[in-house]
Each structure stands twice: as structure tokens, then as C-alpha cells.
């Protein structure tokens, strides 16, 4: 079953399974000019949470360089009003479950 990433308008808690060594988009928005914050908790039964997170922010429709973060058990992401396109993807080193709240 394919799980859709959490959208900009969602206000509920969402859980997404992120398989190890695969990119999984957990947050995505397109052409929305609103500020928004997301809090994400990552948990794993297979070992410590580790891996990469890529955050992509466009300025309106002009792409900017992706920002790469180390995957941590708790992370926060902020989308500015000017970021017309925005996404967050993770590639964990172990299977993780992402719990996202907005």
C-alpha cells in the first residue's frame, strides 16, 4: 500500500513507514503560500535511528539547493510563505516509523 506524504493542509497526526536504504517522501506541498511547521518523531525496533533527510525548498517556482540533515529521533521542519514547492524525504539506515504532526 502506498502512503501519501503529509500535505500542507493536514492538521492531524500521520504515521509513515520508511524502509531502510530507500527514499521516502514524508512531507510534500505544491503551490501553497502559507507558513507551516511540522514535528516528526522517528522510531525503530531495529536499532538506533540514523540516516539522511533531504529538505527541498523552492522560492516560488525557482529551485534552491537541497538541504541535507542527519536523521535524528525528533526533528522539526518549517515551510516559509515564499516556498511555493516544499518537500522532505528520508533515507534511514534501519526501518523507521515517522510520526508527523502539524
N, C-alpha and C. Protein backbone atom coordinates (compact mmCIF):
# COMPACT_ATOMS: atom_id res chain seq x y z
N UNK A 1 0.84 -1.18 0.00
CA UNK A 1 0.00 0.00 0.00
C UNK A 1 0.89 1.24 0.00
N UNK A 2 0.62 2.16 -0.89
CA UNK A 2 1.37 3.42 -0.98
C UNK A 2 0.75 4.44 -0.04
N UNK A 3 1.55 5.05 0.81
CA UNK A 3 1.08 6.07 1.74
C UNK A 3 1.48 7.43 1.19
N UNK A 4 0.50 8.33 1.11
CA UNK A 4 0.80 9.67 0.62
C UNK A 4 1.51 10.47 1.69
N UNK A 5 2.48 11.35 1.30
CA UNK A 5 3.13 12.19 2.29
C UNK A 5 2.14 13.17 2.89
N UNK A 6 2.47 13.68 4.05
CA UNK A 6 1.59 14.63 4.72
C UNK A 6 1.55 15.92 3.93
N UNK A 7 0.37 16.44 3.69
CA UNK A 7 0.23 17.66 2.89
C UNK A 7 0.26 18.90 3.77
N UNK A 8 0.33 20.04 3.13
CA UNK A 8 0.38 21.32 3.82
C UNK A 8 -0.90 21.60 4.60
N UNK A 9 -2.04 21.07 4.16
CA UNK A 9 -3.31 21.38 4.82
C UNK A 9 -3.66 20.43 5.95
N UNK A 10 -2.96 19.33 6.08
CA UNK A 10 -3.29 18.34 7.08
C UNK A 10 -2.94 18.83 8.48
N UNK A 11 -3.84 18.61 9.44
CA UNK A 11 -3.60 19.04 10.81
C UNK A 11 -3.58 17.86 11.76
N UNK A 12 -3.82 16.66 11.28
CA UNK A 12 -3.83 15.50 12.16
C UNK A 12 -2.46 14.82 12.18
N UNK A 13 -2.33 13.85 13.05
CA UNK A 13 -1.10 13.09 13.16
C UNK A 13 -1.12 11.99 12.10
N UNK A 14 0.01 11.80 11.44
CA UNK A 14 0.11 10.79 10.40
C UNK A 14 1.34 9.94 10.66
N UNK A 15 1.23 8.64 10.37
CA UNK A 15 2.35 7.72 10.55
C UNK A 15 2.72 7.13 9.20
N UNK A 16 4.01 7.16 8.88
CA UNK A 16 4.51 6.63 7.61
C UNK A 16 5.67 5.69 7.91
N UNK A 17 5.62 4.49 7.33
CA UNK A 17 6.71 3.53 7.46
C UNK A 17 7.76 3.87 6.41
N UNK A 18 9.00 3.99 6.84
CA UNK A 18 10.11 4.35 5.96
C UNK A 18 11.11 3.18 5.94
N UNK A 19 11.15 2.40 4.85
CA UNK A 19 12.06 1.26 4.78
C UNK A 19 13.52 1.72 4.71
N UNK A 20 14.40 0.89 5.28
CA UNK A 20 15.82 1.24 5.28
C UNK A 20 16.37 1.30 3.86
N UNK A 21 17.33 2.19 3.67
CA UNK A 21 18.05 2.37 2.41
C UNK A 21 17.15 2.72 1.22
N UNK A 22 15.97 3.28 1.49
CA UNK A 22 15.07 3.74 0.43
C UNK A 22 14.61 5.16 0.76
N UNK A 23 14.50 5.99 -0.27
CA UNK A 23 13.98 7.35 -0.07
C UNK A 23 12.47 7.28 0.06
N UNK A 24 11.94 7.94 1.10
CA UNK A 24 10.50 8.02 1.33
C UNK A 24 10.16 9.48 1.56
N UNK A 25 9.22 10.02 0.76
CA UNK A 25 8.77 11.40 0.97
C UNK A 25 7.77 11.40 2.11
N UNK A 26 8.04 12.21 3.15
CA UNK A 26 7.15 12.26 4.30
C UNK A 26 6.33 13.55 4.34
N UNK A 27 6.82 14.61 3.71
CA UNK A 27 6.10 15.88 3.65
C UNK A 27 6.20 16.41 2.23
N UNK A 28 5.10 16.87 1.69
CA UNK A 28 5.13 17.45 0.35
C UNK A 28 4.02 18.47 0.18
N UNK A 29 4.34 19.59 -0.43
CA UNK A 29 3.31 20.59 -0.74
C UNK A 29 3.66 21.23 -2.07
N UNK A 30 2.63 21.72 -2.74
CA UNK A 30 2.79 22.27 -4.07
C UNK A 30 1.93 23.51 -4.20
N UNK A 31 2.55 24.64 -4.52
CA UNK A 31 1.86 25.91 -4.79
C UNK A 31 0.92 26.36 -3.68
N UNK A 32 1.42 26.33 -2.45
CA UNK A 32 0.67 26.84 -1.31
C UNK A 32 1.52 27.90 -0.64
N UNK A 33 0.96 29.09 -0.48
CA UNK A 33 1.72 30.20 0.08
C UNK A 33 1.32 30.46 1.53
N UNK A 34 1.59 29.48 2.38
CA UNK A 34 1.31 29.61 3.81
C UNK A 34 2.50 29.09 4.61
N UNK A 35 2.77 29.74 5.75
CA UNK A 35 3.77 29.21 6.67
C UNK A 35 3.21 27.95 7.32
N UNK A 36 4.08 26.99 7.61
CA UNK A 36 3.63 25.77 8.29
C UNK A 36 4.82 25.12 8.98
N UNK A 37 4.55 24.53 10.14
CA UNK A 37 5.56 23.79 10.90
C UNK A 37 5.11 22.34 11.05
N UNK A 38 6.08 21.44 10.97
CA UNK A 38 5.83 20.02 11.20
C UNK A 38 6.82 19.54 12.24
N UNK A 39 6.35 18.68 13.15
CA UNK A 39 7.21 17.99 14.10
C UNK A 39 7.16 16.51 13.75
N UNK A 40 8.32 15.90 13.63
CA UNK A 40 8.41 14.50 13.22
C UNK A 40 9.21 13.72 14.26
N UNK A 41 8.65 12.59 14.68
CA UNK A 41 9.35 11.66 15.57
C UNK A 41 9.63 10.40 14.77
N UNK A 42 10.86 9.92 14.83
CA UNK A 42 11.25 8.69 14.16
C UNK A 42 11.56 7.63 15.21
N UNK A 43 11.04 6.42 15.01
CA UNK A 43 11.29 5.32 15.94
C UNK A 43 11.63 4.07 15.15
N UNK A 44 12.45 3.21 15.76
CA UNK A 44 12.85 1.96 15.11
C UNK A 44 13.00 0.86 16.14
N UNK A 45 12.58 -0.35 15.76
CA UNK A 45 12.80 -1.54 16.58
C UNK A 45 14.08 -2.25 16.18
N UNK A 46 14.73 -1.77 15.10
CA UNK A 46 15.89 -2.45 14.53
C UNK A 46 17.23 -1.82 14.92
N UNK A 47 17.23 -0.85 15.81
CA UNK A 47 18.47 -0.21 16.21
C UNK A 47 18.30 1.29 16.29
N UNK A 48 19.39 2.00 16.53
CA UNK A 48 19.32 3.46 16.65
C UNK A 48 18.88 4.11 15.33
N UNK A 49 18.13 5.20 15.48
CA UNK A 49 17.67 5.96 14.31
C UNK A 49 18.87 6.67 13.69
N UNK A 50 19.10 6.42 12.41
CA UNK A 50 20.20 7.06 11.70
C UNK A 50 19.85 7.09 10.22
N UNK A 51 20.48 7.97 9.48
CA UNK A 51 20.25 8.08 8.05
C UNK A 51 20.33 9.53 7.59
N UNK A 52 19.69 9.80 6.45
CA UNK A 52 19.72 11.14 5.85
C UNK A 52 18.31 11.69 5.69
N UNK A 53 18.22 13.01 5.75
CA UNK A 53 16.98 13.73 5.48
C UNK A 53 17.31 14.80 4.46
N UNK A 54 16.49 14.91 3.41
CA UNK A 54 16.69 15.95 2.40
C UNK A 54 15.46 16.85 2.40
N UNK A 55 15.70 18.14 2.63
CA UNK A 55 14.65 19.15 2.64
C UNK A 55 14.83 20.02 1.40
N UNK A 56 13.79 20.11 0.57
CA UNK A 56 13.86 20.88 -0.67
C UNK A 56 12.86 22.03 -0.58
N UNK A 57 13.38 23.25 -0.71
CA UNK A 57 12.54 24.45 -0.68
C UNK A 57 12.74 25.21 -1.99
N UNK A 58 11.66 25.50 -2.65
CA UNK A 58 11.70 26.37 -3.83
C UNK A 58 11.32 27.78 -3.37
N UNK A 59 11.85 28.81 -4.03
CA UNK A 59 11.37 30.17 -3.82
C UNK A 59 10.41 30.44 -4.96
N UNK A 60 9.15 30.42 -4.63
CA UNK A 60 8.03 30.41 -5.57
C UNK A 60 8.19 29.19 -6.48
N UNK A 61 8.70 29.33 -7.70
CA UNK A 61 8.89 28.16 -8.56
C UNK A 61 10.36 27.96 -8.93
N UNK A 62 11.23 28.73 -8.30
CA UNK A 62 12.66 28.64 -8.59
C UNK A 62 13.32 27.68 -7.58
N UNK A 63 13.91 26.59 -8.05
CA UNK A 63 14.51 25.63 -7.12
C UNK A 63 15.75 26.19 -6.42
N UNK A 64 15.93 25.77 -5.20
CA UNK A 64 17.12 26.09 -4.42
C UNK A 64 17.83 24.77 -4.12
N UNK A 65 19.08 24.86 -3.68
CA UNK A 65 19.81 23.65 -3.32
C UNK A 65 19.11 22.93 -2.17
N UNK A 66 19.09 21.62 -2.26
CA UNK A 66 18.51 20.82 -1.19
C UNK A 66 19.40 20.91 0.05
N UNK A 67 18.77 20.86 1.20
CA UNK A 67 19.50 20.87 2.47
C UNK A 67 19.47 19.45 3.02
N UNK A 68 20.65 18.92 3.30
CA UNK A 68 20.76 17.55 3.81
C UNK A 68 21.02 17.61 5.32
N UNK A 69 20.21 16.85 6.07
CA UNK A 69 20.35 16.76 7.52
C UNK A 69 20.64 15.31 7.90
N UNK A 70 21.21 15.10 9.06
CA UNK A 70 21.33 13.76 9.63
C UNK A 70 19.99 13.42 10.28
N UNK A 71 19.54 12.19 10.09
CA UNK A 71 18.28 11.74 10.68
C UNK A 71 18.44 11.61 12.19
N UNK A 72 17.52 12.24 12.93
CA UNK A 72 17.53 12.21 14.39
C UNK A 72 16.16 11.72 14.86
N UNK A 73 16.06 11.24 16.10
CA UNK A 73 14.77 10.74 16.58
C UNK A 73 13.64 11.77 16.58
N UNK A 74 13.98 13.03 16.77
CA UNK A 74 12.97 14.11 16.73
C UNK A 74 13.50 15.25 15.87
N UNK A 75 12.67 15.68 14.93
CA UNK A 75 13.07 16.77 14.03
C UNK A 75 11.88 17.69 13.79
N UNK A 76 12.17 18.94 13.48
CA UNK A 76 11.15 19.93 13.13
C UNK A 76 11.49 20.52 11.78
N UNK A 77 10.44 20.83 11.02
CA UNK A 77 10.62 21.42 9.69
C UNK A 77 9.69 22.61 9.56
N UNK A 78 10.18 23.66 8.88
CA UNK A 78 9.39 24.88 8.70
C UNK A 78 9.35 25.25 7.23
N UNK A 79 8.16 25.46 6.73
CA UNK A 79 7.95 25.92 5.36
C UNK A 79 7.55 27.38 5.43
N UNK A 80 8.31 28.24 4.76
CA UNK A 80 8.00 29.67 4.72
C UNK A 80 6.95 29.97 3.67
N UNK A 81 6.32 31.13 3.81
CA UNK A 81 5.29 31.54 2.86
C UNK A 81 5.81 31.57 1.43
N UNK A 82 7.07 31.93 1.25
CA UNK A 82 7.63 32.09 -0.09
C UNK A 82 8.00 30.76 -0.75
N UNK A 83 7.98 29.66 0.01
CA UNK A 83 8.34 28.35 -0.54
C UNK A 83 7.14 27.71 -1.22
N UNK A 84 6.95 28.03 -2.50
CA UNK A 84 5.80 27.52 -3.26
C UNK A 84 5.80 26.01 -3.40
N UNK A 85 6.97 25.41 -3.49
CA UNK A 85 7.11 23.96 -3.54
C UNK A 85 8.01 23.55 -2.38
N UNK A 86 7.63 22.49 -1.67
CA UNK A 86 8.37 22.09 -0.48
C UNK A 86 8.23 20.59 -0.28
N UNK A 87 9.34 19.93 0.05
CA UNK A 87 9.26 18.50 0.35
C UNK A 87 10.36 18.09 1.33
N UNK A 88 10.07 17.02 2.05
CA UNK A 88 11.04 16.41 2.96
C UNK A 88 11.01 14.91 2.68
N UNK A 89 12.20 14.35 2.42
CA UNK A 89 12.34 12.91 2.19
C UNK A 89 13.39 12.36 3.12
N UNK A 90 13.22 11.09 3.52
CA UNK A 90 14.17 10.45 4.42
C UNK A 90 14.68 9.15 3.81
N UNK A 91 15.95 8.83 4.13
CA UNK A 91 16.56 7.56 3.76
C UNK A 91 17.23 7.01 5.01
N UNK A 92 16.47 6.22 5.79
CA UNK A 92 17.02 5.72 7.04
C UNK A 92 17.97 4.55 6.84
N UNK A 93 18.87 4.36 7.81
CA UNK A 93 19.80 3.23 7.78
C UNK A 93 19.14 1.96 8.30
N UNK A 94 18.06 2.11 9.06
CA UNK A 94 17.25 0.98 9.56
C UNK A 94 15.78 1.31 9.29
N UNK A 95 14.92 0.32 9.30
CA UNK A 95 13.49 0.58 9.13
C UNK A 95 13.02 1.51 10.25
N UNK A 96 12.33 2.60 9.89
CA UNK A 96 11.81 3.53 10.89
C UNK A 96 10.36 3.81 10.61
N UNK A 97 9.67 4.27 11.64
CA UNK A 97 8.31 4.76 11.52
C UNK A 97 8.35 6.25 11.84
N UNK A 98 7.84 7.07 10.92
CA UNK A 98 7.80 8.51 11.12
C UNK A 98 6.40 8.89 11.58
N UNK A 99 6.31 9.60 12.70
CA UNK A 99 5.05 10.12 13.19
C UNK A 99 5.10 11.63 13.03
N UNK A 100 4.18 12.14 12.20
CA UNK A 100 4.23 13.55 11.80
C UNK A 100 3.01 14.27 12.36
N UNK A 101 3.27 15.41 13.00
CA UNK A 101 2.17 16.25 13.46
C UNK A 101 2.41 17.67 12.98
N UNK A 102 1.31 18.35 12.72
CA UNK A 102 1.42 19.71 12.20
C UNK A 102 0.76 20.68 13.15
